[in-house]
Amino acid sequence: MSDLILLTHAPNRALAQPLIDFLDYHDIEAIVQSDDCGGVDPALNFINGTRILVWKVDYERAQTFLEDFYKQSENLIDAED
């Protein structure tokens, strides 16, 4: 049984990376899981997307930071309008 659990999905690796970096900044290890042949065939992401996994012990903290990440992203978009 794995100690990794799904935190969220992203459409592709490029859109997952800012969240991964944000979690890493807060000392939460996140793992990207994608069915794109290791980046060789990115079109495969359209089928299953990219999964962002975290360790069970970090899940609750990661959820909190995920909410903060989306709020900050929304604020940036609103500021541009």
N, C-alpha and C. Protein backbone atom coordinates (compact mmCIF):
# COMPACT_ATOMS: atom_id res chain seq x y z
N MET A 1 0.84 -1.19 0.00
CA MET A 1 0.00 0.00 0.00
C MET A 1 0.89 1.25 0.00
N SER A 2 0.54 2.17 -0.85
CA SER A 2 1.35 3.37 -1.01
C SER A 2 0.97 4.43 0.02
N ASP A 3 1.97 5.19 0.41
CA ASP A 3 1.73 6.31 1.31
C ASP A 3 1.49 7.60 0.54
N LEU A 4 1.40 7.50 -0.79
CA LEU A 4 1.09 8.66 -1.62
C LEU A 4 -0.39 8.70 -1.91
N ILE A 5 -0.97 9.91 -1.88
CA ILE A 5 -2.38 10.04 -2.23
C ILE A 5 -2.56 11.23 -3.17
N LEU A 6 -3.63 11.17 -3.92
CA LEU A 6 -3.92 12.20 -4.91
C LEU A 6 -4.31 13.51 -4.22
N LEU A 7 -3.63 14.58 -4.58
CA LEU A 7 -3.98 15.90 -4.09
C LEU A 7 -4.92 16.59 -5.08
N THR A 8 -4.54 16.59 -6.35
CA THR A 8 -5.35 17.25 -7.37
C THR A 8 -4.90 16.80 -8.75
N HIS A 9 -5.61 17.26 -9.76
CA HIS A 9 -5.27 17.03 -11.17
C HIS A 9 -4.89 18.35 -11.82
N ALA A 10 -4.10 18.28 -12.86
CA ALA A 10 -3.79 19.43 -13.71
C ALA A 10 -3.90 18.94 -15.16
N PRO A 11 -4.18 19.84 -16.08
CA PRO A 11 -4.32 19.42 -17.48
C PRO A 11 -3.02 18.85 -18.08
N ASN A 12 -1.86 19.36 -17.62
CA ASN A 12 -0.59 18.88 -18.15
C ASN A 12 0.54 19.22 -17.18
N ARG A 13 1.74 18.74 -17.49
CA ARG A 13 2.89 18.97 -16.61
C ARG A 13 3.22 20.45 -16.47
N ALA A 14 3.11 21.19 -17.56
CA ALA A 14 3.46 22.61 -17.52
C ALA A 14 2.58 23.38 -16.55
N LEU A 15 1.30 23.04 -16.49
CA LEU A 15 0.40 23.72 -15.56
C LEU A 15 0.50 23.16 -14.14
N ALA A 16 1.02 21.96 -14.01
CA ALA A 16 1.22 21.36 -12.68
C ALA A 16 2.46 21.93 -11.99
N GLN A 17 3.46 22.33 -12.78
CA GLN A 17 4.74 22.73 -12.20
C GLN A 17 4.67 23.91 -11.23
N PRO A 18 3.90 24.97 -11.50
CA PRO A 18 3.84 26.06 -10.51
C PRO A 18 3.31 25.59 -9.15
N LEU A 19 2.34 24.69 -9.16
CA LEU A 19 1.81 24.16 -7.90
C LEU A 19 2.86 23.31 -7.21
N ILE A 20 3.57 22.49 -7.96
CA ILE A 20 4.64 21.67 -7.39
C ILE A 20 5.69 22.57 -6.73
N ASP A 21 6.06 23.64 -7.42
CA ASP A 21 7.05 24.58 -6.88
C ASP A 21 6.52 25.26 -5.61
N PHE A 22 5.25 25.63 -5.61
CA PHE A 22 4.62 26.27 -4.45
C PHE A 22 4.65 25.33 -3.25
N LEU A 23 4.30 24.07 -3.46
CA LEU A 23 4.32 23.09 -2.37
C LEU A 23 5.76 22.86 -1.89
N ASP A 24 6.68 22.76 -2.83
CA ASP A 24 8.08 22.56 -2.48
C ASP A 24 8.60 23.72 -1.62
N TYR A 25 8.20 24.93 -1.96
CA TYR A 25 8.59 26.11 -1.19
C TYR A 25 8.14 25.98 0.27
N HIS A 26 7.01 25.30 0.47
CA HIS A 26 6.47 25.10 1.82
C HIS A 26 6.85 23.74 2.40
N ASP A 27 7.93 23.17 1.86
CA ASP A 27 8.49 21.91 2.35
C ASP A 27 7.53 20.73 2.27
N ILE A 28 6.73 20.69 1.21
CA ILE A 28 5.85 19.55 0.96
C ILE A 28 6.29 18.91 -0.35
N GLU A 29 6.72 17.66 -0.26
CA GLU A 29 7.14 16.96 -1.46
C GLU A 29 5.91 16.52 -2.26
N ALA A 30 5.88 16.89 -3.52
CA ALA A 30 4.79 16.50 -4.40
C ALA A 30 5.38 15.77 -5.60
N ILE A 31 4.64 14.80 -6.08
CA ILE A 31 5.09 13.98 -7.19
C ILE A 31 4.10 14.10 -8.33
N VAL A 32 4.63 14.29 -9.53
CA VAL A 32 3.79 14.38 -10.72
C VAL A 32 3.70 13.00 -11.35
N GLN A 33 2.49 12.59 -11.63
CA GLN A 33 2.26 11.31 -12.30
C GLN A 33 1.45 11.59 -13.55
N SER A 34 1.99 11.17 -14.69
CA SER A 34 1.36 11.50 -15.96
C SER A 34 1.55 10.36 -16.94
N ASP A 35 0.58 10.16 -17.81
CA ASP A 35 0.66 9.12 -18.83
C ASP A 35 1.06 9.71 -20.17
N ASP A 36 2.14 10.49 -20.16
CA ASP A 36 2.58 11.13 -21.41
C ASP A 36 3.90 10.56 -21.92
N CYS A 37 4.19 9.32 -21.56
CA CYS A 37 5.42 8.64 -21.99
C CYS A 37 6.67 9.43 -21.58
N GLY A 38 6.66 9.93 -20.36
CA GLY A 38 7.80 10.68 -19.85
C GLY A 38 8.01 12.01 -20.54
N GLY A 39 6.95 12.58 -21.06
CA GLY A 39 7.03 13.86 -21.75
C GLY A 39 7.23 13.73 -23.24
N VAL A 40 7.42 12.50 -23.73
CA VAL A 40 7.65 12.26 -25.16
C VAL A 40 6.39 12.52 -25.98
N ASP A 41 5.22 12.20 -25.41
CA ASP A 41 3.95 12.38 -26.13
C ASP A 41 2.97 13.17 -25.26
N PRO A 42 3.15 14.50 -25.17
CA PRO A 42 2.30 15.32 -24.30
C PRO A 42 0.82 15.27 -24.67
N ALA A 43 0.49 14.89 -25.89
CA ALA A 43 -0.91 14.82 -26.30
C ALA A 43 -1.69 13.81 -25.46
N LEU A 44 -1.01 12.83 -24.89
CA LEU A 44 -1.69 11.84 -24.06
C LEU A 44 -2.27 12.46 -22.79
N ASN A 45 -1.80 13.64 -22.39
CA ASN A 45 -2.34 14.32 -21.21
C ASN A 45 -3.81 14.68 -21.40
N PHE A 46 -4.25 14.84 -22.63
CA PHE A 46 -5.64 15.20 -22.86
C PHE A 46 -6.59 14.09 -22.41
N ILE A 47 -6.09 12.89 -22.33
CA ILE A 47 -6.93 11.76 -21.92
C ILE A 47 -7.06 11.70 -20.40
N ASN A 48 -5.94 11.67 -19.70
CA ASN A 48 -5.96 11.48 -18.24
C ASN A 48 -5.45 12.67 -17.45
N GLY A 49 -4.85 13.63 -18.09
CA GLY A 49 -4.29 14.76 -17.36
C GLY A 49 -3.08 14.34 -16.54
N THR A 50 -2.71 15.19 -15.64
CA THR A 50 -1.56 14.97 -14.78
C THR A 50 -2.04 14.94 -13.34
N ARG A 51 -1.58 13.95 -12.61
CA ARG A 51 -1.97 13.82 -11.21
C ARG A 51 -0.84 14.34 -10.32
N ILE A 52 -1.22 15.06 -9.28
CA ILE A 52 -0.25 15.56 -8.31
C ILE A 52 -0.50 14.80 -7.01
N LEU A 53 0.52 14.07 -6.59
CA LEU A 53 0.43 13.23 -5.41
C LEU A 53 1.29 13.79 -4.28
N VAL A 54 0.84 13.59 -3.07
CA VAL A 54 1.62 13.98 -1.88
C VAL A 54 1.60 12.82 -0.89
N TRP A 55 2.51 12.88 0.05
CA TRP A 55 2.54 11.87 1.11
C TRP A 55 1.35 12.07 2.03
N LYS A 56 0.83 10.98 2.54
CA LYS A 56 -0.35 11.04 3.43
C LYS A 56 -0.13 11.99 4.61
N VAL A 57 1.06 11.96 5.17
CA VAL A 57 1.33 12.80 6.34
C VAL A 57 1.28 14.29 6.00
N ASP A 58 1.46 14.64 4.73
CA ASP A 58 1.45 16.04 4.30
C ASP A 58 0.13 16.46 3.68
N TYR A 59 -0.82 15.54 3.54
CA TYR A 59 -2.03 15.81 2.76
C TYR A 59 -2.83 17.02 3.28
N GLU A 60 -3.09 17.09 4.56
CA GLU A 60 -3.90 18.19 5.10
C GLU A 60 -3.21 19.54 4.90
N ARG A 61 -1.91 19.59 5.15
CA ARG A 61 -1.17 20.84 4.91
C ARG A 61 -1.19 21.19 3.43
N ALA A 62 -1.02 20.18 2.58
CA ALA A 62 -1.02 20.41 1.14
C ALA A 62 -2.37 20.94 0.67
N GLN A 63 -3.45 20.42 1.24
CA GLN A 63 -4.80 20.92 0.89
C GLN A 63 -4.93 22.40 1.23
N THR A 64 -4.43 22.78 2.38
CA THR A 64 -4.48 24.19 2.80
C THR A 64 -3.68 25.06 1.83
N PHE A 65 -2.48 24.60 1.48
CA PHE A 65 -1.65 25.37 0.55
C PHE A 65 -2.25 25.39 -0.85
N LEU A 66 -2.92 24.31 -1.24
CA LEU A 66 -3.59 24.27 -2.54
C LEU A 66 -4.67 25.35 -2.61
N GLU A 67 -5.45 25.47 -1.56
CA GLU A 67 -6.48 26.53 -1.51
C GLU A 67 -5.83 27.91 -1.58
N ASP A 68 -4.74 28.11 -0.84
CA ASP A 68 -4.02 29.38 -0.89
C ASP A 68 -3.47 29.67 -2.29
N PHE A 69 -2.95 28.62 -2.92
CA PHE A 69 -2.39 28.76 -4.26
C PHE A 69 -3.46 29.25 -5.24
N TYR A 70 -4.64 28.64 -5.18
CA TYR A 70 -5.72 29.05 -6.09
C TYR A 70 -6.22 30.46 -5.78
N LYS A 71 -6.28 30.81 -4.51
CA LYS A 71 -6.69 32.17 -4.14
C LYS A 71 -5.70 33.20 -4.67
N GLN A 72 -4.42 32.93 -4.51
CA GLN A 72 -3.40 33.84 -5.00
C GLN A 72 -3.45 33.94 -6.52
N SER A 73 -3.70 32.83 -7.19
CA SER A 73 -3.81 32.83 -8.66
C SER A 73 -4.99 33.68 -9.10
N GLU A 74 -6.13 33.55 -8.41
CA GLU A 74 -7.31 34.34 -8.73
C GLU A 74 -7.04 35.83 -8.51
N ASN A 75 -6.34 36.16 -7.44
CA ASN A 75 -6.02 37.55 -7.16
C ASN A 75 -5.14 38.15 -8.26
N LEU A 76 -4.20 37.36 -8.78
CA LEU A 76 -3.35 37.85 -9.87
C LEU A 76 -4.17 38.11 -11.12
N ILE A 77 -5.12 37.23 -11.41
CA ILE A 77 -5.96 37.40 -12.59
C ILE A 77 -6.85 38.62 -12.42
N ASP A 78 -7.44 38.79 -11.24
CA ASP A 78 -8.29 39.95 -10.98
C ASP A 78 -7.51 41.25 -11.07
N ALA A 79 -6.26 41.24 -10.64
CA ALA A 79 -5.43 42.45 -10.67
C ALA A 79 -5.12 42.88 -12.09
N GLU A 80 -5.07 41.90 -13.00
CA GLU A 80 -4.77 42.21 -14.40
C GLU A 80 -5.98 42.82 -15.12
N ASP A 81 -7.16 42.56 -14.63
CA ASP A 81 -8.39 43.07 -15.31
C ASP A 81 -8.61 44.52 -15.09
